C-alpha atoms as a PDB file:
ATOM      1  CA  UNK A   1      31.733  25.810-113.426  1.00  0.00           C
ATOM      2  CA  UNK A   2      28.492  25.902-113.110  1.00  0.00           C
ATOM      3  CA  UNK A   3      26.380  28.565-114.426  1.00  0.00           C
ATOM      4  CA  UNK A   4      25.643  29.727-110.318  1.00  0.00           C
ATOM      5  CA  UNK A   5      29.361  29.755-109.722  1.00  0.00           C
ATOM      6  CA  UNK A   6      30.025  31.972-112.459  1.00  0.00           C
ATOM      7  CA  UNK A   7      27.235  34.149-111.763  1.00  0.00           C
ATOM      8  CA  UNK A   8      29.256  34.985-108.001  1.00  0.00           C
ATOM      9  CA  UNK A   9      32.263  35.301-109.847  1.00  0.00           C
ATOM     10  CA  UNK A  10      31.019  38.086-112.236  1.00  0.00           C
ATOM     11  CA  UNK A  11      28.606  39.606-109.112  1.00  0.00           C
ATOM     12  CA  UNK A  12      32.266  39.958-107.310  1.00  0.00           C
ATOM     13  CA  UNK A  13      33.847  41.672-109.876  1.00  0.00           C
ATOM     14  CA  UNK A  14      30.747  43.984-110.294  1.00  0.00           C
ATOM     15  CA  UNK A  15      31.070  45.503-106.978  1.00  0.00           C
ATOM     16  CA  UNK A  16      34.863  45.886-107.128  1.00  0.00           C
ATOM     17  CA  UNK A  17      34.623  48.000-109.916  1.00  0.00           C
ATOM     18  CA  UNK A  18      31.731  49.845-108.046  1.00  0.00           C
ATOM     19  CA  UNK A  19      34.065  50.606-105.094  1.00  0.00           C
ATOM     20  CA  UNK A  20      37.075  51.460-107.314  1.00  0.00           C
ATOM     21  CA  UNK A  21      35.213  53.895-109.227  1.00  0.00           C
ATOM     22  CA  UNK A  22      33.311  55.918-105.650  1.00  0.00           C
ATOM     23  CA  UNK A  23      37.287  55.655-104.577  1.00  0.00           C
ATOM     24  CA  UNK A  24      38.469  57.531-107.827  1.00  0.00           C
ATOM     25  CA  UNK A  25      35.374  59.939-107.829  1.00  0.00           C
ATOM     26  CA  UNK A  26      36.163  60.940-104.050  1.00  0.00           C
ATOM     27  CA  UNK A  27      39.928  61.325-104.990  1.00  0.00           C
ATOM     28  CA  UNK A  28      39.213  63.429-107.817  1.00  0.00           C
ATOM     29  CA  UNK A  29      37.321  66.331-105.274  1.00  0.00           C
ATOM     30  CA  UNK A  30      40.076  66.329-102.804  1.00  0.00           C
ATOM     31  CA  UNK A  31      37.983  64.361-100.214  1.00  0.00           C
ATOM     32  CA  UNK A  32      38.478  61.439 -98.670  1.00  0.00           C
ATOM     33  CA  UNK A  33      36.309  58.397 -98.648  1.00  0.00           C
ATOM     34  CA  UNK A  34      34.558  57.769 -95.832  1.00  0.00           C
ATOM     35  CA  UNK A  35      35.543  55.270 -93.002  1.00  0.00           C
ATOM     36  CA  UNK A  36      33.303  53.268 -92.085  1.00  0.00           C
ATOM     37  CA  UNK A  37      33.090  54.211 -88.165  1.00  0.00           C
ATOM     38  CA  UNK A  38      35.176  51.173 -86.148  1.00  0.00           C
ATOM     39  CA  UNK A  39      33.386  50.445 -82.983  1.00  0.00           C
ATOM     40  CA  UNK A  40      35.560  51.177 -79.713  1.00  0.00           C
ATOM     41  CA  UNK A  41      37.384  48.487 -78.711  1.00  0.00           C
ATOM     42  CA  UNK A  42      36.195  47.701 -74.960  1.00  0.00           C
ATOM     43  CA  UNK A  43      39.134  48.171 -72.410  1.00  0.00           C
ATOM     44  CA  UNK A  44      39.229  44.928 -70.191  1.00  0.00           C
ATOM     45  CA  UNK A  45      38.209  45.061 -66.907  1.00  0.00           C
ATOM     46  CA  UNK A  46      40.917  43.560 -64.792  1.00  0.00           C
ATOM     47  CA  UNK A  47      39.678  40.773 -62.512  1.00  0.00           C
ATOM     48  CA  UNK A  48      38.184  41.787 -59.215  1.00  0.00           C
ATOM     49  CA  UNK A  49      39.784  39.613 -56.457  1.00  0.00           C
ATOM     50  CA  UNK A  50      37.783  37.125 -55.222  1.00  0.00           C
ATOM     51  CA  UNK A  51      37.313  37.846 -51.408  1.00  0.00           C
ATOM     52  CA  UNK A  52      38.272  34.871 -48.873  1.00  0.00           C
ATOM     53  CA  UNK A  53      34.734  33.757 -48.267  1.00  0.00           C
ATOM     54  CA  UNK A  54      34.457  33.617 -44.174  1.00  0.00           C
ATOM     55  CA  UNK A  55      34.142  30.892 -42.966  1.00  0.00           C
ATOM     56  CA  UNK A  56      30.383  30.807 -41.014  1.00  0.00           C
ATOM     57  CA  UNK A  57      30.658  28.904 -37.905  1.00  0.00           C
ATOM     58  CA  UNK A  58      28.223  26.231 -37.787  1.00  0.00           C
ATOM     59  CA  UNK A  59      25.042  27.453 -35.701  1.00  0.00           C
ATOM     60  CA  UNK A  60      25.096  25.079 -32.832  1.00  0.00           C
ATOM     61  CA  UNK A  61      21.910  23.490 -32.792  1.00  0.00           C
ATOM     62  CA  UNK A  62      20.674  22.939 -29.257  1.00  0.00           C
ATOM     63  CA  UNK A  63      18.623  19.881 -28.926  1.00  0.00           C
ATOM     64  CA  UNK A  64      15.968  19.814 -27.148  1.00  0.00           C
ATOM     65  CA  UNK A  65      15.710  17.696 -24.150  1.00  0.00           C
ATOM     66  CA  UNK A  66      13.584  14.972 -24.617  1.00  0.00           C
ATOM     67  CA  UNK A  67      10.643  14.612 -22.539  1.00  0.00           C
ATOM     68  CA  UNK A  68      10.643  11.458 -20.449  1.00  0.00           C
ATOM     69  CA  UNK A  69       8.078   9.338 -20.902  1.00  0.00           C
ATOM     70  CA  UNK A  70       6.976   7.985 -17.406  1.00  0.00           C
ATOM     71  CA  UNK A  71       6.935   4.021 -16.929  1.00  0.00           C
ATOM     72  CA  UNK A  72       3.592   2.675 -17.056  1.00  0.00           C
ATOM     73  CA  UNK A  73       3.030   0.921 -14.412  1.00  0.00           C
ATOM     74  CA  UNK A  74       1.281  -2.702 -15.036  1.00  0.00           C
ATOM     75  CA  UNK A  75      -1.952  -3.218 -14.497  1.00  0.00           C
ATOM     76  CA  UNK A  76      -1.185  -6.173 -12.353  1.00  0.00           C
ATOM     77  CA  UNK A  77       1.312  -5.076 -10.205  1.00  0.00           C
ATOM     78  CA  UNK A  78      -0.123  -2.923  -7.418  1.00  0.00           C
ATOM     79  CA  UNK A  79       1.790  -0.054  -6.270  1.00  0.00           C
ATOM     80  CA  UNK A  80       3.652  -0.559  -2.370  1.00  0.00           C
ATOM     81  CA  UNK A  81       1.164   1.814  -0.473  1.00  0.00           C
ATOM     82  CA  UNK A  82       3.538   2.793   2.546  1.00  0.00           C
ATOM     83  CA  UNK A  83       1.852   1.783   6.070  1.00  0.00           C
ATOM     84  CA  UNK A  84       1.770   4.853   8.892  1.00  0.00           C
ATOM     85  CA  UNK A  85       2.811   2.940  11.426  1.00  0.00           C
ATOM     86  CA  UNK A  86       0.413   2.846  13.946  1.00  0.00           C
ATOM     87  CA  UNK A  87       1.060   4.245  17.476  1.00  0.00           C
ATOM     88  CA  UNK A  88       1.794   1.462  20.314  1.00  0.00           C
ATOM     89  CA  UNK A  89      -0.594   1.912  22.883  1.00  0.00           C
ATOM     90  CA  UNK A  90       0.575   0.562  25.921  1.00  0.00           C
ATOM     91  CA  UNK A  91      -1.192  -2.306  27.350  1.00  0.00           C
ATOM     92  CA  UNK A  92      -3.037  -1.586  30.601  1.00  0.00           C
ATOM     93  CA  UNK A  93      -1.155  -3.153  33.007  1.00  0.00           C
ATOM     94  CA  UNK A  94      -3.662  -6.024  34.682  1.00  0.00           C
ATOM     95  CA  UNK A  95      -3.977  -5.211  38.324  1.00  0.00           C
ATOM     96  CA  UNK A  96      -1.553  -7.146  40.252  1.00  0.00           C
ATOM     97  CA  UNK A  97      -3.087  -9.605  42.799  1.00  0.00           C
ATOM     98  CA  UNK A  98      -0.552  -8.742  45.492  1.00  0.00           C
ATOM     99  CA  UNK A  99      -3.134  -6.802  46.591  1.00  0.00           C
ATOM    100  CA  UNK A 100      -5.728  -9.071  47.433  1.00  0.00           C
ATOM    101  CA  UNK A 101      -3.097 -11.065  48.693  1.00  0.00           C
ATOM    102  CA  UNK A 102      -1.992  -8.789  51.386  1.00  0.00           C
ATOM    103  CA  UNK A 103      -5.532  -8.387  52.438  1.00  0.00           C
ATOM    104  CA  UNK A 104      -5.384 -12.257  52.340  1.00  0.00           C
ATOM    105  CA  UNK A 105      -2.254 -12.293  54.495  1.00  0.00           C
ATOM    106  CA  UNK A 106      -3.778 -10.468  57.511  1.00  0.00           C
ATOM    107  CA  UNK A 107      -5.749 -13.468  58.764  1.00  0.00           C
ATOM    108  CA  UNK A 108      -8.413 -15.583  58.046  1.00  0.00           C
ATOM    109  CA  UNK A 109     -11.158 -16.812  60.634  1.00  0.00           C
ATOM    110  CA  UNK A 110     -12.763 -20.104  60.551  1.00  0.00           C
ATOM    111  CA  UNK A 111     -14.967 -21.099  63.392  1.00  0.00           C
ATOM    112  CA  UNK A 112     -16.136 -25.268  64.725  1.00  0.00           C
ATOM    113  CA  UNK A 113     -19.891 -24.005  65.506  1.00  0.00           C
ATOM    114  CA  UNK A 114     -22.243 -25.132  67.990  1.00  0.00           C
ATOM    115  CA  UNK A 115     -23.374 -28.932  67.419  1.00  0.00           C
ATOM    116  CA  UNK A 116     -20.867 -29.526  64.817  1.00  0.00           C
ATOM    117  CA  UNK A 117     -20.064 -32.956  66.902  1.00  0.00           C
ATOM    118  CA  UNK A 118     -23.155 -34.052  65.904  1.00  0.00           C
ATOM    119  CA  UNK A 119     -23.315 -35.929  62.463  1.00  0.00           C
ATOM    120  CA  UNK A 120     -25.602 -33.846  59.888  1.00  0.00           C
ATOM    121  CA  UNK A 121     -23.246 -30.610  59.565  1.00  0.00           C
ATOM    122  CA  UNK A 122     -21.328 -32.699  56.704  1.00  0.00           C
ATOM    123  CA  UNK A 123     -24.650 -32.697  54.750  1.00  0.00           C
ATOM    124  CA  UNK A 124     -24.406 -29.073  54.044  1.00  0.00           C
ATOM    125  CA  UNK A 125     -20.466 -27.964  54.723  1.00  0.00           C
ATOM    126  CA  UNK A 126     -21.565 -26.454  58.079  1.00  0.00           C
ATOM    127  CA  UNK A 127     -18.703 -28.368  60.473  1.00  0.00           C
ATOM    128  CA  UNK A 128     -16.349 -25.386  59.784  1.00  0.00           C
ATOM    129  CA  UNK A 129     -17.712 -21.887  58.677  1.00  0.00           C
ATOM    130  CA  UNK A 130     -16.161 -21.431  56.501  1.00  0.00           C
ATOM    131  CA  UNK A 131     -15.350 -24.634  55.102  1.00  0.00           C
ATOM    132  CA  UNK A 132     -13.639 -23.625  51.935  1.00  0.00           C
ATOM    133  CA  UNK A 133     -11.228 -20.639  52.311  1.00  0.00           C
ATOM    134  CA  UNK A 134      -8.653 -19.179  49.674  1.00  0.00           C
ATOM    135  CA  UNK A 135      -5.622 -17.327  51.358  1.00  0.00           C
ATOM    136  CA  UNK A 136      -2.352 -15.996  50.229  1.00  0.00           C
ATOM    137  CA  UNK A 137       1.106 -17.249  50.785  1.00  0.00           C
ATOM    138  CA  UNK A 138       2.073 -16.218  54.319  1.00  0.00           C
ATOM    139  CA  UNK A 139      -1.547 -15.822  55.502  1.00  0.00           C
ATOM    140  CA  UNK A 140      -2.379 -17.153  59.622  1.00  0.00           C
ATOM    141  CA  UNK A 141      -5.694 -18.768  59.604  1.00  0.00           C
ATOM    142  CA  UNK A 142      -7.115 -18.797  63.440  1.00  0.00           C
ATOM    143  CA  UNK A 143      -9.602 -21.846  64.272  1.00  0.00           C
ATOM    144  CA  UNK A 144     -12.063 -20.912  67.154  1.00  0.00           C
ATOM    145  CA  UNK A 145     -14.059 -23.554  68.478  1.00  0.00           C
ATOM    146  CA  UNK A 146     -17.324 -22.590  69.287  1.00  0.00           C
ATOM    147  CA  UNK A 147     -19.292 -25.603  70.337  1.00  0.00           C
ATOM    148  CA  UNK A 148     -19.083 -27.446  73.949  1.00  0.00           C
ATOM    149  CA  UNK A 149     -17.011 -30.314  72.518  1.00  0.00           C
ATOM    150  CA  UNK A 150     -13.617 -30.866  71.712  1.00  0.00           C
ATOM    151  CA  UNK A 151     -12.470 -30.969  68.470  1.00  0.00           C
ATOM    152  CA  UNK A 152      -8.539 -31.386  66.246  1.00  0.00           C
ATOM    153  CA  UNK A 153      -7.993 -29.451  63.140  1.00  0.00           C
ATOM    154  CA  UNK A 154      -5.392 -31.956  61.251  1.00  0.00           C
ATOM    155  CA  UNK A 155      -4.304 -31.709  58.304  1.00  0.00           C
ATOM    156  CA  UNK A 156      -5.039 -34.862  55.976  1.00  0.00           C
ATOM    157  CA  UNK A 157      -8.402 -36.377  55.122  1.00  0.00           C
ATOM    158  CA  UNK A 158     -10.436 -38.899  56.937  1.00  0.00           C
ATOM    159  CA  UNK A 159      -9.906 -41.598  54.544  1.00  0.00           C
ATOM    160  CA  UNK A 160      -5.752 -41.194  54.492  1.00  0.00           C
ATOM    161  CA  UNK A 161      -5.282 -39.836  57.680  1.00  0.00           C
ATOM    162  CA  UNK A 162      -3.320 -37.027  58.549  1.00  0.00           C
ATOM    163  CA  UNK A 163      -0.162 -35.878  56.102  1.00  0.00           C
ATOM    164  CA  UNK A 164       1.647 -34.273  58.743  1.00  0.00           C
ATOM    165  CA  UNK A 165       1.343 -30.447  57.376  1.00  0.00           C
ATOM    166  CA  UNK A 166      -0.104 -29.358  60.587  1.00  0.00           C
ATOM    167  CA  UNK A 167      -2.329 -30.702  63.861  1.00  0.00           C
ATOM    168  CA  UNK A 168      -3.910 -28.790  66.645  1.00  0.00           C
ATOM    169  CA  UNK A 169      -4.165 -31.688  68.653  1.00  0.00           C
ATOM    170  CA  UNK A 170      -7.287 -31.273  70.945  1.00  0.00           C
ATOM    171  CA  UNK A 171      -8.981 -27.848  70.773  1.00  0.00           C
ATOM    172  CA  UNK A 172     -11.260 -27.098  73.708  1.00  0.00           C
ATOM    173  CA  UNK A 173     -14.412 -25.403  73.475  1.00  0.00           C
ATOM    174  CA  UNK A 174     -13.530 -21.265  73.497  1.00  0.00           C
ATOM    175  CA  UNK A 175     -10.065 -22.303  72.708  1.00  0.00           C
ATOM    176  CA  UNK A 176      -8.015 -21.456  69.234  1.00  0.00           C
ATOM    177  CA  UNK A 177      -5.345 -22.670  66.968  1.00  0.00           C
ATOM    178  CA  UNK A 178      -3.580 -20.952  64.120  1.00  0.00           C
ATOM    179  CA  UNK A 179      -1.428 -21.747  61.489  1.00  0.00           C
ATOM    180  CA  UNK A 180       0.371 -20.248  58.891  1.00  0.00           C
ATOM    181  CA  UNK A 181       0.433 -21.031  55.110  1.00  0.00           C
ATOM    182  CA  UNK A 182       3.789 -20.073  53.681  1.00  0.00           C
ATOM    183  CA  UNK A 183       3.552 -22.203  50.707  1.00  0.00           C
ATOM    184  CA  UNK A 184       0.854 -22.297  47.858  1.00  0.00           C
ATOM    185  CA  UNK A 185      -1.291 -25.580  47.451  1.00  0.00           C
ATOM    186  CA  UNK A 186      -4.369 -27.181  48.655  1.00  0.00           C
ATOM    187  CA  UNK A 187      -4.479 -28.183  52.568  1.00  0.00           C
ATOM    188  CA  UNK A 188      -7.451 -30.035  53.144  1.00  0.00           C
ATOM    189  CA  UNK A 189      -7.698 -31.279  56.971  1.00  0.00           C
ATOM    190  CA  UNK A 190     -10.642 -32.697  59.302  1.00  0.00           C
ATOM    191  CA  UNK A 191     -11.637 -33.605  62.890  1.00  0.00           C
ATOM    192  CA  UNK A 192      -9.668 -36.798  64.150  1.00  0.00           C
ATOM    193  CA  UNK A 193     -12.434 -36.998  67.147  1.00  0.00           C
ATOM    194  CA  UNK A 194     -15.279 -36.242  64.432  1.00  0.00           C
ATOM    195  CA  UNK A 195     -14.227 -37.487  61.095  1.00  0.00           C
ATOM    196  CA  UNK A 196     -17.410 -36.322  59.516  1.00  0.00           C
ATOM    197  CA  UNK A 197     -15.863 -32.717  59.746  1.00  0.00           C
ATOM    198  CA  UNK A 198     -13.795 -31.465  57.059  1.00  0.00           C
ATOM    199  CA  UNK A 199     -12.366 -28.325  55.495  1.00  0.00           C
ATOM    200  CA  UNK A 200     -10.008 -26.747  52.860  1.00  0.00           C
ATOM    201  CA  UNK A 201      -7.283 -24.029  52.649  1.00  0.00           C
ATOM    202  CA  UNK A 202      -6.357 -23.290  49.449  1.00  0.00           C
ATOM    203  CA  UNK A 203      -3.184 -20.686  49.453  1.00  0.00           C
ATOM    204  CA  UNK A 204      -2.326 -19.132  45.912  1.00  0.00           C
END
């Protein structure tokens, strides 16, 4: 046993003897030995029942509507532009030629002038006046012999002869001949007695 152990034992015995002596001295005086204050034992606190946690409804998060990004029109592609239909302007009706034809249908007069029986009137187409006329279908043309000699108004040409469409036969001085043209066409005529005398009627 070491000296430290011995010292500890001796110290313990000494303390014990001192305590006994103190007790005995209080017993002799009739006083009880002081009791060391005892700390009050804390009362157990009953456990507080835990309240069930209220379920908190999940907050509904409204998603903000996403702004639609306008589609970019490619630069190369042209956006079609609606064309405003143009108002159709009624075309002006061309004047009907019937009125002119009606005027021509009334009548047309041709003169066989004096001196046409002598060659030379053909130089300026003056053997029939007018020697070239235009009339409408159905027109009536009247030839008047204003010469002193007799003449004819015969369809055809001096080269090919009569074609049989019309023929006045001999028209004496002062007499007339008329013919109604019922079909469109060009009608040449001449005088059988004086073949240099020629004329033409155009029927439209």
